[in-house]
Protein backbone atom coordinates (compact mmCIF):
# COMPACT_ATOMS: atom_id res chain seq x y z
CA UNK A 1 -9.88 -43.38 -83.56
CA UNK A 2 -6.13 -42.41 -83.71
CA UNK A 3 -3.33 -44.69 -84.38
CA UNK A 4 -1.05 -44.27 -81.60
CA UNK A 5 -1.85 -46.82 -79.19
CA UNK A 6 -0.35 -47.80 -75.70
CA UNK A 7 2.12 -50.84 -76.69
CA UNK A 8 -0.29 -53.49 -75.52
CA UNK A 9 -2.38 -56.39 -76.75
CA UNK A 10 -5.18 -53.76 -77.57
CA UNK A 11 -2.71 -52.22 -79.78
CA UNK A 12 -2.22 -55.91 -81.61
CA UNK A 13 -6.21 -56.18 -81.57
CA UNK A 14 -6.88 -52.65 -83.21
CA UNK A 15 -3.85 -53.02 -85.55
CA UNK A 16 -5.77 -56.83 -86.73
CA UNK A 17 -8.97 -54.63 -86.86
CA UNK A 18 -7.45 -52.41 -89.51
CA UNK A 19 -6.10 -55.08 -91.67
CA UNK A 20 -9.34 -57.27 -91.50
CA UNK A 21 -11.30 -54.19 -92.51
CA UNK A 22 -8.83 -53.05 -95.34
CA UNK A 23 -8.85 -56.73 -96.43
CA UNK A 24 -12.94 -56.76 -96.32
CA UNK A 25 -12.89 -53.36 -98.41
CA UNK A 26 -10.42 -54.58 -101.05
CA UNK A 27 -11.10 -58.52 -101.64
CA UNK A 28 -14.28 -59.32 -103.72
CA UNK A 29 -16.19 -62.40 -101.66
CA UNK A 30 -19.76 -63.19 -102.09
CA UNK A 31 -22.60 -60.69 -100.63
CA UNK A 32 -23.82 -62.82 -98.08
CA UNK A 33 -20.72 -63.75 -96.45
CA UNK A 34 -19.77 -60.11 -96.67
CA UNK A 35 -23.01 -59.10 -94.79
CA UNK A 36 -21.78 -61.60 -92.02
CA UNK A 37 -18.20 -60.31 -92.04
CA UNK A 38 -19.42 -56.83 -91.75
CA UNK A 39 -21.44 -57.73 -88.24
CA UNK A 40 -17.94 -58.12 -86.64
CA UNK A 41 -15.44 -55.94 -88.71
CA UNK A 42 -14.16 -53.69 -87.60
CA UNK A 43 -13.80 -55.42 -84.18
CA UNK A 44 -15.80 -54.35 -81.77
CA UNK A 45 -14.72 -52.00 -78.82
CA UNK A 46 -14.12 -53.93 -75.43
CA UNK A 47 -16.68 -53.27 -72.89
CA UNK A 48 -15.08 -52.07 -69.54
CA UNK A 49 -16.90 -55.49 -67.85
CA UNK A 50 -14.68 -57.30 -70.37
CA UNK A 51 -11.34 -55.55 -69.93
CA UNK A 52 -11.71 -55.70 -66.01
CA UNK A 53 -12.05 -59.24 -66.30
CA UNK A 54 -9.16 -59.86 -68.29
CA UNK A 55 -7.34 -57.69 -65.89
CA UNK A 56 -8.12 -59.82 -63.01
CA UNK A 57 -7.20 -63.07 -65.03
CA UNK A 58 -3.84 -61.36 -66.10
CA UNK A 59 -2.89 -60.58 -62.42
CA UNK A 60 -3.83 -63.81 -60.98
CA UNK A 61 -0.55 -65.45 -61.46
CA UNK A 62 1.32 -62.96 -59.90
CA UNK A 63 -1.21 -61.14 -57.53
CA UNK A 64 -3.11 -64.04 -56.37
CA UNK A 65 -1.49 -67.37 -57.10
CA UNK A 66 2.13 -66.16 -56.42
CA UNK A 67 1.31 -64.23 -53.20
CA UNK A 68 -0.23 -67.78 -51.75
CA UNK A 69 2.88 -69.69 -52.66
CA UNK A 70 5.07 -67.00 -50.97
CA UNK A 71 2.82 -67.21 -47.79
CA UNK A 72 2.98 -71.02 -47.96
CA UNK A 73 6.84 -71.35 -48.47
CA UNK A 74 7.53 -68.66 -45.79
CA UNK A 75 6.06 -70.70 -43.44
CA UNK A 76 7.40 -74.20 -44.46
CA UNK A 77 10.90 -72.79 -45.71
CA UNK A 78 11.95 -70.16 -43.05
CA UNK A 79 15.15 -69.47 -45.24
CA UNK A 80 13.05 -68.46 -48.09
CA UNK A 81 13.70 -64.86 -49.30
CA UNK A 82 9.67 -64.03 -49.98
CA UNK A 83 10.90 -60.40 -51.07
CA UNK A 84 12.21 -61.41 -53.96
CA UNK A 85 9.27 -63.20 -54.93
CA UNK A 86 7.14 -60.15 -54.03
CA UNK A 87 9.08 -57.81 -56.32
CA UNK A 88 8.53 -60.20 -59.21
CA UNK A 89 4.87 -60.27 -58.30
CA UNK A 90 4.91 -56.45 -58.53
CA UNK A 91 6.46 -56.27 -61.69
CA UNK A 92 4.39 -59.06 -63.37
CA UNK A 93 1.23 -57.14 -62.06
CA UNK A 94 2.27 -54.03 -63.27
CA UNK A 95 3.10 -55.45 -66.65
CA UNK A 96 -0.56 -57.14 -66.75
CA UNK A 97 -2.01 -53.96 -66.00
CA UNK A 98 -0.41 -52.20 -68.87
CA UNK A 99 -0.92 -54.83 -71.29
CA UNK A 100 -4.37 -55.49 -70.74
CA UNK A 101 -5.48 -51.99 -69.78
CA UNK A 102 -7.58 -50.80 -72.87
CA UNK A 103 -7.22 -46.84 -72.15
CA UNK A 104 -4.16 -47.14 -70.79
CA UNK A 105 -1.31 -44.31 -71.37
CA UNK A 106 1.69 -45.11 -73.04
CA UNK A 107 3.93 -43.66 -69.89
CA UNK A 108 2.14 -46.43 -67.80
CA UNK A 109 5.01 -49.09 -68.86
CA UNK A 110 7.02 -47.11 -66.38
CA UNK A 111 5.20 -48.67 -63.56
CA UNK A 112 6.94 -51.95 -64.49
CA UNK A 113 10.15 -50.45 -65.56
CA UNK A 114 10.75 -48.89 -62.20
CA UNK A 115 10.41 -52.22 -59.89
CA UNK A 116 12.08 -53.89 -62.44
CA UNK A 117 15.38 -52.31 -61.67
CA UNK A 118 15.32 -53.97 -58.47
CA UNK A 119 15.55 -57.41 -60.08
CA UNK A 120 18.12 -56.65 -63.02
CA UNK A 121 21.16 -57.55 -60.96
CA UNK A 122 19.96 -60.62 -59.89
CA UNK A 123 20.63 -63.28 -62.80
CA UNK A 124 21.24 -62.67 -66.30
CA UNK A 125 17.44 -63.63 -67.19
CA UNK A 126 16.24 -60.76 -65.01
CA UNK A 127 18.99 -58.44 -66.80
CA UNK A 128 17.93 -59.42 -70.26
CA UNK A 129 13.93 -59.15 -69.20
CA UNK A 130 14.98 -55.13 -67.83
CA UNK A 131 16.97 -54.44 -71.10
CA UNK A 132 14.47 -55.56 -73.50
CA UNK A 133 11.33 -54.09 -71.47
CA UNK A 134 13.34 -50.80 -71.47
CA UNK A 135 14.03 -51.17 -75.24
CA UNK A 136 10.63 -51.63 -76.27
CA UNK A 137 8.91 -49.63 -73.46
CA UNK A 138 10.86 -46.49 -73.71
CA UNK A 139 10.78 -46.66 -77.54
CA UNK A 140 7.15 -46.56 -77.33
CA UNK A 141 6.96 -43.40 -75.73
CA UNK A 142 9.29 -41.60 -77.85
CA UNK A 143 6.62 -40.11 -80.07
CA UNK A 144 5.36 -38.30 -77.45
CA UNK A 145 8.42 -35.81 -78.22
CA UNK A 146 7.07 -34.87 -81.70
CA UNK A 147 8.74 -31.43 -82.46
CA UNK A 148 11.57 -31.46 -84.51
CA UNK A 149 13.69 -29.53 -81.85
CA UNK A 150 13.16 -32.41 -79.44
CA UNK A 151 14.73 -35.03 -81.97
CA UNK A 152 18.18 -34.94 -81.21
CA UNK A 153 17.32 -34.83 -77.17
CA UNK A 154 15.04 -38.08 -77.30
CA UNK A 155 17.47 -40.07 -79.28
CA UNK A 156 20.78 -39.05 -77.26
CA UNK A 157 18.61 -39.85 -73.84
CA UNK A 158 17.44 -43.38 -75.28
CA UNK A 159 20.97 -44.10 -76.70
CA UNK A 160 22.65 -43.38 -73.70
CA UNK A 161 20.49 -44.98 -71.32
CA UNK A 162 20.24 -48.27 -73.35
CA UNK A 163 23.93 -48.00 -74.01
CA UNK A 164 24.86 -47.42 -69.75
CA UNK A 165 22.29 -49.87 -68.98
CA UNK A 166 23.73 -52.59 -70.93
CA UNK A 167 27.34 -51.84 -70.27
CA UNK A 168 26.54 -52.03 -66.40
CA UNK A 169 24.52 -54.92 -66.53
CA UNK A 170 27.34 -56.82 -68.40
CA UNK A 171 29.80 -55.81 -65.91
CA UNK A 172 27.80 -57.29 -63.33
CA UNK A 173 26.80 -60.51 -65.02
CA UNK A 174 30.28 -61.50 -66.33
CA UNK A 175 30.69 -65.04 -66.26
CA UNK A 176 34.61 -65.24 -65.38
CA UNK A 177 34.57 -69.17 -65.31
CA UNK A 178 32.53 -69.57 -68.46
CA UNK A 179 33.90 -66.67 -70.59
CA UNK A 180 30.17 -65.42 -71.50
CA UNK A 181 30.83 -61.75 -72.01
CA UNK A 182 27.40 -60.73 -72.97
CA UNK A 183 23.98 -61.04 -71.42
CA UNK A 184 22.29 -60.27 -75.06
CA UNK A 185 21.26 -62.99 -77.50
CA UNK A 186 20.81 -62.78 -81.55
CA UNK A 187 17.07 -61.58 -80.98
CA UNK A 188 18.37 -58.69 -79.13
CA UNK A 189 20.37 -57.55 -81.69
CA UNK A 190 17.96 -58.25 -84.32
CA UNK A 191 15.58 -56.13 -82.17
CA UNK A 192 17.86 -53.32 -82.08
CA UNK A 193 18.32 -53.19 -86.06
CA UNK A 194 14.28 -53.32 -86.24
CA UNK A 195 14.01 -50.39 -83.94
CA UNK A 196 16.77 -48.58 -85.48
CA UNK A 197 15.03 -48.99 -88.88
CA UNK A 198 11.85 -48.05 -87.56
CA UNK A 199 13.28 -44.60 -85.92
CA UNK A 200 14.71 -43.95 -89.28
CA UNK A 201 11.76 -44.42 -91.12
CA UNK A 202 9.67 -42.26 -88.44
CA UNK A 203 12.15 -39.44 -88.34
CA UNK A 204 13.80 -39.23 -91.95
CA UNK A 205 12.09 -41.31 -94.60
CA UNK A 206 8.26 -40.47 -93.72
CA UNK A 207 8.94 -36.71 -93.18
CA UNK A 208 10.31 -36.85 -96.65
CA UNK A 209 8.43 -38.94 -98.95
CA UNK A 210 4.92 -38.90 -97.29
CA UNK A 211 4.15 -36.10 -95.06
CA UNK A 212 4.40 -33.36 -97.90
CA UNK A 213 1.46 -34.87 -99.60
CA UNK A 214 -0.10 -35.82 -96.33
CA UNK A 215 -0.18 -39.53 -97.19
CA UNK A 216 -0.50 -41.82 -94.48
CA UNK A 217 0.12 -39.22 -91.84
CA UNK A 218 -0.24 -41.55 -88.82
CA UNK A 219 1.49 -44.78 -90.32
CA UNK A 220 4.81 -43.86 -88.07
CA UNK A 221 2.96 -43.81 -84.99
CA UNK A 222 1.02 -47.00 -85.80
CA UNK A 223 3.96 -48.88 -86.64
CA UNK A 224 5.61 -47.78 -83.60
CA UNK A 225 2.58 -48.93 -81.41
CA UNK A 226 2.48 -52.63 -83.16
CA UNK A 227 6.30 -53.40 -83.18
CA UNK A 228 6.44 -51.99 -79.64
CA UNK A 229 3.48 -54.10 -78.63
CA UNK A 230 4.92 -57.39 -80.01
CA UNK A 231 7.96 -56.76 -77.83
CA UNK A 232 6.48 -55.82 -74.83
CA UNK A 233 4.39 -59.10 -75.02
CA UNK A 234 7.32 -60.98 -75.33
CA UNK A 235 8.67 -58.98 -72.18
CA UNK A 236 5.45 -60.04 -70.51
CA UNK A 237 5.78 -63.78 -71.04
CA UNK A 238 9.31 -63.46 -69.84
CA UNK A 239 8.37 -61.77 -66.63
CA UNK A 240 5.93 -64.66 -66.09
CA UNK A 241 8.63 -67.41 -66.80
CA UNK A 242 11.07 -65.31 -64.57
CA UNK A 243 8.32 -65.14 -61.86
CA UNK A 244 7.50 -68.84 -61.44
CA UNK A 245 11.19 -70.53 -62.19
CA UNK A 246 13.92 -67.84 -61.95
CA UNK A 247 12.77 -66.37 -58.64
CA UNK A 248 12.91 -69.69 -57.18
CA UNK A 249 16.47 -69.94 -57.85
CA UNK A 250 17.46 -66.44 -56.42
CA UNK A 251 15.09 -66.72 -53.31
CA UNK A 252 17.71 -68.86 -51.82
CA UNK A 253 20.66 -66.70 -51.96
């Protein structure tokens, strides 16, 4: 199997399988214990039924439970803006489908980013969620533009988009009373640094040090998948929090 996966939980699963396989091969352990471990390492490929079950569980909070609550609140509280709950549920279900789909394509993250644009201007929380999802989601598809002549284009477009999104949302969510100018947190700045270092390794260091000898050919792709999978898992949990807690506040506006 290749080492460029969609940045979801299965990328973390496959990465953990690679690590476990490497450790099992290098570490000296008793023969009987090794024989037991070799029955489950590398990790088994999930069956379609298991993936389907996980998908149903994953979309339950947004696709079923939240829909039930929206219908109930709409009847009990006529002033409730059910549309905002609906968009939150769409975003969460799209993220759940991407995060839990085993053979999902990397570009499928756009099914979550596009509806998320409708929520980005609501609150500072949804603005941060949009920026973080774009930050990791779009970075995760940059390796699809793999030619050398495409490098300036994809880097410029990525930086321009992220800068424009952050600038626009900062202007919208500027707190004139509290003086809070930035919607970003220290974790966001750390994420910027990590991705910048990863991009430098992918496009400069690896081609110079490893590519000529053919060693670790797919390391940059695997690193991209794993780092972005961690970031998007974080965004997935933030989406759930925004749907259940943040949406309750904005629905009354």
